[in-house]
């Protein structure tokens, strides 16, 4: 399985950066607990938006420096 180029996480929000040849793609996800199991979703609530903005800014800065 391919490894991500890097990850940025704040709280429950993660931006995962993947290298795709000369380009990069970013997956944005939120971790939550369902019973005893941790899961991920792309659905964000209002309280997640500031952290999402921050991890996306970090991902953009990292990609721009490559």
Protein backbone atom coordinates (compact mmCIF):
# COMPACT_ATOMS: atom_id res chain seq x y z
CA UNK A 1 0.00 0.00 0.00
CA UNK A 2 1.31 3.46 -0.89
CA UNK A 3 2.39 5.76 1.93
CA UNK A 4 1.26 9.40 2.09
CA UNK A 5 3.86 12.09 1.44
CA UNK A 6 2.89 13.74 4.74
CA UNK A 7 -0.02 14.37 7.11
CA UNK A 8 -1.17 17.41 9.06
CA UNK A 9 -3.47 16.96 12.04
CA UNK A 10 -5.22 19.32 14.41
CA UNK A 11 -7.66 17.79 16.87
CA UNK A 12 -9.82 15.31 14.97
CA UNK A 13 -9.10 16.82 11.53
CA UNK A 14 -6.39 15.44 9.24
CA UNK A 15 -5.12 16.56 5.83
CA UNK A 16 -3.28 13.69 4.15
CA UNK A 17 -1.02 14.66 1.22
CA UNK A 18 -0.44 12.09 -1.53
CA UNK A 19 2.15 12.39 -4.28
CA UNK A 20 0.80 11.64 -7.74
CA UNK A 21 3.79 11.89 -10.11
CA UNK A 22 4.61 15.61 -10.34
CA UNK A 23 1.37 16.58 -8.57
CA UNK A 24 -0.09 16.28 -5.08
CA UNK A 25 -3.60 15.42 -3.90
CA UNK A 26 -5.02 16.11 -0.45
CA UNK A 27 -7.62 14.08 1.45
CA UNK A 28 -9.40 15.85 4.29
CA UNK A 29 -10.94 13.69 7.02
CA UNK A 30 -12.38 13.78 10.53
CA UNK A 31 -11.77 10.95 13.01
CA UNK A 32 -14.60 9.85 15.30
CA UNK A 33 -15.24 6.99 17.67
CA UNK A 34 -18.09 4.53 17.06
CA UNK A 35 -18.28 2.35 20.15
CA UNK A 36 -14.75 1.06 20.71
CA UNK A 37 -13.71 1.57 17.08
CA UNK A 38 -12.17 4.68 15.50
CA UNK A 39 -13.46 5.61 12.04
CA UNK A 40 -12.95 8.40 9.51
CA UNK A 41 -15.41 10.52 7.56
CA UNK A 42 -15.21 13.40 5.11
CA UNK A 43 -18.28 15.00 6.72
CA UNK A 44 -17.42 18.05 8.84
CA UNK A 45 -19.45 19.94 11.38
CA UNK A 46 -19.39 23.67 12.03
CA UNK A 47 -16.94 23.17 14.92
CA UNK A 48 -14.50 21.37 12.56
CA UNK A 49 -14.15 24.12 9.97
CA UNK A 50 -11.43 26.25 11.58
CA UNK A 51 -9.15 23.24 12.12
CA UNK A 52 -9.89 22.08 8.56
CA UNK A 53 -8.84 25.49 7.26
CA UNK A 54 -5.62 25.36 9.27
CA UNK A 55 -4.57 21.86 8.16
CA UNK A 56 -5.34 22.73 4.54
CA UNK A 57 -3.17 25.86 4.80
CA UNK A 58 -0.34 23.73 6.20
CA UNK A 59 -0.77 21.21 3.38
CA UNK A 60 -0.74 23.97 0.77
CA UNK A 61 2.42 25.52 2.25
CA UNK A 62 4.15 22.12 2.34
CA UNK A 63 3.21 21.35 -1.27
CA UNK A 64 4.35 24.81 -2.43
CA UNK A 65 7.77 24.21 -0.84
CA UNK A 66 8.33 20.92 -2.69
